[in-house]
Amino acid sequence: QGMYLLQAAEGAKKMPRVNLLGSGSILRESMAARELLANDWGVAANVWSCPSFNELARDGQNAERHNLLNPTAEPQVPFVARQLAGHEGPVVASTDYMKNYAEQIRPYIPRDRVFKVLGTDGFGRSDFRSKLREHFEVNRHYIVLAALKALADQGDLPLAKVSEAIAKYGIKTNKINPL
């Protein structure tokens, strides 16, 4: 139906938790980010494989339509919201496609969650995948950075941790926006 839990978060329940949604070949970067989050930052992460953000969006639109046309019936809950319901923490979606691909599920993410999207917006380029992912800010280090920032945004980590990650991974904060 568009997503499934590939790797469940491990670690003590008191650890901060995030949900990493990966689509296509970037899924491996989400898996690597999960390891960095655990080893470097003490953050537990669920990794979700999302082979179809389109299907998740269609399901959400269908639930919205049903709820509009059946106001007194039991409201339908979009599949993505049902999947995430038992897994606390912010959500970071990463894709090798344009950001809009994952952005289409934003209305169906539970409202109490911070939702960050990483994608490869821009015009055609040729280079190694690793270089392109760094250029478009969607590699494992940027996924970790987005997860830490989301946790800081909701008050689960100090903002200083985000700055530490920028320094640790050598992220260039003054480079030109790839958009």
C-alpha atoms as a PDB file:
ATOM      1  CA  GLN A   1       0.000   0.000   0.000  1.00  0.00           C
ATOM      2  CA  GLY A   2       2.960   2.325  -0.451  1.00  0.00           C
ATOM      3  CA  MET A   3       5.123   1.797   2.643  1.00  0.00           C
ATOM      4  CA  TYR A   4       6.300  -0.824   5.096  1.00  0.00           C
ATOM      5  CA  LEU A   5       8.545  -0.948   8.147  1.00  0.00           C
ATOM      6  CA  LEU A   6      11.918  -2.268   7.001  1.00  0.00           C
ATOM      7  CA  GLN A   7      13.923  -1.802  10.218  1.00  0.00           C
ATOM      8  CA  ALA A   8      12.373  -1.149  13.628  1.00  0.00           C
ATOM      9  CA  ALA A   9      14.023   1.260  16.047  1.00  0.00           C
ATOM     10  CA  GLU A  10      16.244  -0.405  18.599  1.00  0.00           C
ATOM     11  CA  GLY A  11      17.351   0.892  21.947  1.00  0.00           C
ATOM     12  CA  ALA A  12      15.926   2.043  25.230  1.00  0.00           C
ATOM     13  CA  LYS A  13      12.443   3.522  25.161  1.00  0.00           C
ATOM     14  CA  LYS A  14      13.815   6.757  26.651  1.00  0.00           C
ATOM     15  CA  MET A  15      15.997   7.380  23.574  1.00  0.00           C
ATOM     16  CA  PRO A  16      14.747  10.059  21.175  1.00  0.00           C
ATOM     17  CA  ARG A  17      13.065   8.408  18.174  1.00  0.00           C
ATOM     18  CA  VAL A  18      12.612   9.308  14.521  1.00  0.00           C
ATOM     19  CA  ASN A  19      11.053   7.733  11.453  1.00  0.00           C
ATOM     20  CA  LEU A  20      13.101   7.682   8.246  1.00  0.00           C
ATOM     21  CA  LEU A  21      11.105   7.153   5.043  1.00  0.00           C
ATOM     22  CA  GLY A  22      13.264   6.154   2.083  1.00  0.00           C
ATOM     23  CA  SER A  23      12.236   5.785  -1.524  1.00  0.00           C
ATOM     24  CA  GLY A  24      14.149   4.033  -4.274  1.00  0.00           C
ATOM     25  CA  SER A  25      17.905   3.760  -4.089  1.00  0.00           C
ATOM     26  CA  ILE A  26      18.084   6.440  -1.385  1.00  0.00           C
ATOM     27  CA  LEU A  27      16.644   3.836   1.007  1.00  0.00           C
ATOM     28  CA  ARG A  28      20.203   2.599   1.591  1.00  0.00           C
ATOM     29  CA  GLU A  29      21.200   6.100   2.696  1.00  0.00           C
ATOM     30  CA  SER A  30      18.300   6.066   5.192  1.00  0.00           C
ATOM     31  CA  MET A  31      19.574   2.734   6.526  1.00  0.00           C
ATOM     32  CA  ALA A  32      23.085   4.171   6.897  1.00  0.00           C
ATOM     33  CA  ALA A  33      21.665   7.279   8.578  1.00  0.00           C
ATOM     34  CA  ARG A  34      19.896   5.010  11.074  1.00  0.00           C
ATOM     35  CA  GLU A  35      23.286   3.601  12.122  1.00  0.00           C
ATOM     36  CA  LEU A  36      24.849   7.055  12.414  1.00  0.00           C
ATOM     37  CA  LEU A  37      21.911   8.303  14.490  1.00  0.00           C
ATOM     38  CA  ALA A  38      22.282   5.388  16.909  1.00  0.00           C
ATOM     39  CA  ASN A  39      26.084   5.350  17.139  1.00  0.00           C
ATOM     40  CA  ASP A  40      26.868   9.076  17.016  1.00  0.00           C
ATOM     41  CA  TRP A  41      23.788  10.674  18.605  1.00  0.00           C
ATOM     42  CA  GLY A  42      21.941   8.104  20.724  1.00  0.00           C
ATOM     43  CA  VAL A  43      18.815   8.358  18.567  1.00  0.00           C
ATOM     44  CA  ALA A  44      16.710   5.329  17.643  1.00  0.00           C
ATOM     45  CA  ALA A  45      15.264   5.304  14.128  1.00  0.00           C
ATOM     46  CA  ASN A  46      12.641   3.296  12.295  1.00  0.00           C
ATOM     47  CA  VAL A  47      13.421   2.889   8.606  1.00  0.00           C
ATOM     48  CA  TRP A  48      10.396   2.700   6.333  1.00  0.00           C
ATOM     49  CA  SER A  49      10.586   1.629   2.716  1.00  0.00           C
ATOM     50  CA  CYS A  50       8.258   3.809   0.655  1.00  0.00           C
ATOM     51  CA  PRO A  51       8.155   2.360  -2.854  1.00  0.00           C
ATOM     52  CA  SER A  52       5.172   4.572  -3.728  1.00  0.00           C
ATOM     53  CA  PHE A  53       4.546   8.021  -2.320  1.00  0.00           C
ATOM     54  CA  ASN A  54       1.989   8.250  -5.142  1.00  0.00           C
ATOM     55  CA  GLU A  55       0.009   5.332  -3.695  1.00  0.00           C
ATOM     56  CA  LEU A  56       0.184   6.828  -0.205  1.00  0.00           C
ATOM     57  CA  ALA A  57      -1.112  10.148  -1.558  1.00  0.00           C
ATOM     58  CA  ARG A  58      -3.940   8.434  -3.460  1.00  0.00           C
ATOM     59  CA  ASP A  59      -4.950   6.550  -0.329  1.00  0.00           C
ATOM     60  CA  GLY A  60      -4.936   9.783   1.683  1.00  0.00           C
ATOM     61  CA  GLN A  61      -7.008  11.573  -0.952  1.00  0.00           C
ATOM     62  CA  ASN A  62      -9.457   8.680  -0.964  1.00  0.00           C
ATOM     63  CA  ALA A  63      -9.801   8.870   2.837  1.00  0.00           C
ATOM     64  CA  GLU A  64     -10.377  12.642   2.621  1.00  0.00           C
ATOM     65  CA  ARG A  65     -13.043  12.124  -0.057  1.00  0.00           C
ATOM     66  CA  HIS A  66     -14.777   9.442   1.982  1.00  0.00           C
ATOM     67  CA  ASN A  67     -14.777  11.666   5.073  1.00  0.00           C
ATOM     68  CA  LEU A  68     -16.165  14.592   3.063  1.00  0.00           C
ATOM     69  CA  LEU A  69     -18.991  12.557   1.520  1.00  0.00           C
ATOM     70  CA  ASN A  70     -19.777  10.594   4.700  1.00  0.00           C
ATOM     71  CA  PRO A  71     -19.608  13.162   7.520  1.00  0.00           C
ATOM     72  CA  THR A  72     -21.468  11.028  10.064  1.00  0.00           C
ATOM     73  CA  ALA A  73     -19.634   7.780   9.313  1.00  0.00           C
ATOM     74  CA  GLU A  74     -16.519   6.579  11.108  1.00  0.00           C
ATOM     75  CA  PRO A  75     -13.704   8.714   9.617  1.00  0.00           C
ATOM     76  CA  GLN A  76     -11.180   6.886   7.488  1.00  0.00           C
ATOM     77  CA  VAL A  77      -7.528   7.328   8.446  1.00  0.00           C
ATOM     78  CA  PRO A  78      -4.927   7.402   5.651  1.00  0.00           C
ATOM     79  CA  PHE A  79      -2.611   4.394   5.491  1.00  0.00           C
ATOM     80  CA  VAL A  80       0.531   6.455   6.175  1.00  0.00           C
ATOM     81  CA  ALA A  81      -1.044   7.860   9.360  1.00  0.00           C
ATOM     82  CA  ARG A  82      -2.091   4.370  10.487  1.00  0.00           C
ATOM     83  CA  GLN A  83       1.412   3.026   9.869  1.00  0.00           C
ATOM     84  CA  LEU A  84       3.089   5.823  11.830  1.00  0.00           C
ATOM     85  CA  ALA A  85       0.536   5.820  14.660  1.00  0.00           C
ATOM     86  CA  GLY A  86       2.420   3.290  16.786  1.00  0.00           C
ATOM     87  CA  HIS A  87       5.849   4.823  16.132  1.00  0.00           C
ATOM     88  CA  GLU A  88       6.605   8.100  17.879  1.00  0.00           C
ATOM     89  CA  GLY A  89       8.930  10.785  16.630  1.00  0.00           C
ATOM     90  CA  PRO A  90       9.357  13.132  13.724  1.00  0.00           C
ATOM     91  CA  VAL A  91       9.339  11.920  10.131  1.00  0.00           C
ATOM     92  CA  VAL A  92      12.097  12.495   7.558  1.00  0.00           C
ATOM     93  CA  ALA A  93      11.298  11.471   3.984  1.00  0.00           C
ATOM     94  CA  SER A  94      14.203  11.091   1.539  1.00  0.00           C
ATOM     95  CA  THR A  95      14.065  10.417  -2.167  1.00  0.00           C
ATOM     96  CA  ASP A  96      16.280  10.570  -5.238  1.00  0.00           C
ATOM     97  CA  TYR A  97      13.315  12.230  -6.944  1.00  0.00           C
ATOM     98  CA  MET A  98      12.129  15.815  -6.588  1.00  0.00           C
ATOM     99  CA  LYS A  99      11.025  16.887  -3.103  1.00  0.00           C
ATOM    100  CA  ASN A 100       7.449  17.267  -4.348  1.00  0.00           C
ATOM    101  CA  TYR A 101       7.275  13.498  -4.763  1.00  0.00           C
ATOM    102  CA  ALA A 102       7.415  12.971  -0.985  1.00  0.00           C
ATOM    103  CA  GLU A 103       5.751  16.312  -0.153  1.00  0.00           C
ATOM    104  CA  GLN A 104       2.476  14.973  -1.535  1.00  0.00           C
ATOM    105  CA  ILE A 105       1.943  12.921   1.645  1.00  0.00           C
ATOM    106  CA  ARG A 106       2.406  15.884   4.032  1.00  0.00           C
ATOM    107  CA  PRO A 107      -1.377  16.285   4.642  1.00  0.00           C
ATOM    108  CA  TYR A 108      -1.586  12.645   5.788  1.00  0.00           C
ATOM    109  CA  ILE A 109       1.288  12.697   8.290  1.00  0.00           C
ATOM    110  CA  PRO A 110      -0.108  12.900  11.845  1.00  0.00           C
ATOM    111  CA  ARG A 111      -0.462  16.588  12.727  1.00  0.00           C
ATOM    112  CA  ASP A 112       1.608  16.298  15.887  1.00  0.00           C
ATOM    113  CA  ARG A 113       4.720  15.264  13.907  1.00  0.00           C
ATOM    114  CA  VAL A 114       7.501  17.369  12.467  1.00  0.00           C
ATOM    115  CA  PHE A 115       7.856  16.352   8.793  1.00  0.00           C
ATOM    116  CA  LYS A 116      11.026  17.077   6.793  1.00  0.00           C
ATOM    117  CA  VAL A 117      11.565  16.192   3.145  1.00  0.00           C
ATOM    118  CA  LEU A 118      14.868  15.766   1.311  1.00  0.00           C
ATOM    119  CA  GLY A 119      15.007  15.354  -2.456  1.00  0.00           C
ATOM    120  CA  THR A 120      17.055  16.032  -5.557  1.00  0.00           C
ATOM    121  CA  ASP A 121      15.389  19.147  -6.919  1.00  0.00           C
ATOM    122  CA  GLY A 122      17.250  20.776  -9.737  1.00  0.00           C
ATOM    123  CA  PHE A 123      18.181  20.343 -13.356  1.00  0.00           C
ATOM    124  CA  GLY A 124      19.916  17.366 -14.913  1.00  0.00           C
ATOM    125  CA  ARG A 125      23.466  16.693 -13.766  1.00  0.00           C
ATOM    126  CA  SER A 126      25.980  13.969 -14.393  1.00  0.00           C
ATOM    127  CA  ASP A 127      28.300  12.749 -11.679  1.00  0.00           C
ATOM    128  CA  PHE A 128      28.715   9.879  -9.261  1.00  0.00           C
ATOM    129  CA  ARG A 129      25.658   9.206  -7.102  1.00  0.00           C
ATOM    130  CA  SER A 130      27.590  10.047  -3.951  1.00  0.00           C
ATOM    131  CA  LYS A 131      28.527  13.480  -5.355  1.00  0.00           C
ATOM    132  CA  LEU A 132      24.984  14.163  -6.547  1.00  0.00           C
ATOM    133  CA  ARG A 133      23.508  13.213  -3.174  1.00  0.00           C
ATOM    134  CA  GLU A 134      25.941  15.524  -1.430  1.00  0.00           C
ATOM    135  CA  HIS A 135      25.169  18.316  -3.912  1.00  0.00           C
ATOM    136  CA  PHE A 136      21.400  17.935  -3.478  1.00  0.00           C
ATOM    137  CA  GLU A 137      21.759  17.492   0.307  1.00  0.00           C
ATOM    138  CA  VAL A 138      20.109  14.072   0.476  1.00  0.00           C
ATOM    139  CA  ASN A 139      22.894  11.719   1.593  1.00  0.00           C
ATOM    140  CA  ARG A 140      23.135   9.948   4.969  1.00  0.00           C
ATOM    141  CA  HIS A 141      24.684  12.977   6.666  1.00  0.00           C
ATOM    142  CA  TYR A 142      21.873  15.292   5.567  1.00  0.00           C
ATOM    143  CA  ILE A 143      19.293  12.704   6.637  1.00  0.00           C
ATOM    144  CA  VAL A 144      20.924  12.638  10.081  1.00  0.00           C
ATOM    145  CA  LEU A 145      21.013  16.434  10.129  1.00  0.00           C
ATOM    146  CA  ALA A 146      17.305  16.657   9.211  1.00  0.00           C
ATOM    147  CA  ALA A 147      16.416  14.084  11.887  1.00  0.00           C
ATOM    148  CA  LEU A 148      18.384  15.915  14.578  1.00  0.00           C
ATOM    149  CA  LYS A 149      16.862  19.264  13.548  1.00  0.00           C
ATOM    150  CA  ALA A 150      13.360  17.741  13.666  1.00  0.00           C
ATOM    151  CA  LEU A 151      14.044  16.397  17.160  1.00  0.00           C
ATOM    152  CA  ALA A 152      15.363  19.822  18.217  1.00  0.00           C
ATOM    153  CA  ASP A 153      12.305  21.530  16.683  1.00  0.00           C
ATOM    154  CA  GLN A 154      10.030  19.490  18.913  1.00  0.00           C
ATOM    155  CA  GLY A 155      12.216  19.995  21.979  1.00  0.00           C
ATOM    156  CA  ASP A 156      13.716  16.506  22.286  1.00  0.00           C
ATOM    157  CA  LEU A 157      17.344  17.569  21.632  1.00  0.00           C
ATOM    158  CA  PRO A 158      19.262  20.815  22.111  1.00  0.00           C
ATOM    159  CA  LEU A 159      19.925  22.799  18.926  1.00  0.00           C
ATOM    160  CA  ALA A 160      23.636  22.554  19.729  1.00  0.00           C
ATOM    161  CA  LYS A 161      23.502  18.892  18.631  1.00  0.00           C
ATOM    162  CA  VAL A 162      22.523  20.025  15.130  1.00  0.00           C
ATOM    163  CA  SER A 163      25.567  22.310  15.024  1.00  0.00           C
ATOM    164  CA  GLU A 164      27.747  19.453  16.289  1.00  0.00           C
ATOM    165  CA  ALA A 165      26.500  17.238  13.442  1.00  0.00           C
ATOM    166  CA  ILE A 166      27.267  19.949  10.878  1.00  0.00           C
ATOM    167  CA  ALA A 167      30.844  20.101  12.155  1.00  0.00           C
ATOM    168  CA  LYS A 168      31.246  16.323  12.581  1.00  0.00           C
ATOM    169  CA  TYR A 169      30.151  15.528   9.024  1.00  0.00           C
ATOM    170  CA  GLY A 170      31.856  18.511   7.391  1.00  0.00           C
ATOM    171  CA  ILE A 171      28.620  19.930   5.995  1.00  0.00           C
ATOM    172  CA  LYS A 172      29.254  23.181   4.141  1.00  0.00           C
ATOM    173  CA  THR A 173      26.740  25.698   5.440  1.00  0.00           C
ATOM    174  CA  ASN A 174      27.737  28.448   3.016  1.00  0.00           C
ATOM    175  CA  LYS A 175      27.417  26.492  -0.233  1.00  0.00           C
ATOM    176  CA  ILE A 176      24.927  27.571  -2.868  1.00  0.00           C
ATOM    177  CA  ASN A 177      21.415  26.191  -2.432  1.00  0.00           C
ATOM    178  CA  PRO A 178      21.066  23.333  -4.960  1.00  0.00           C
ATOM    179  CA  LEU A 179      17.570  24.519  -5.888  1.00  0.00           C
END
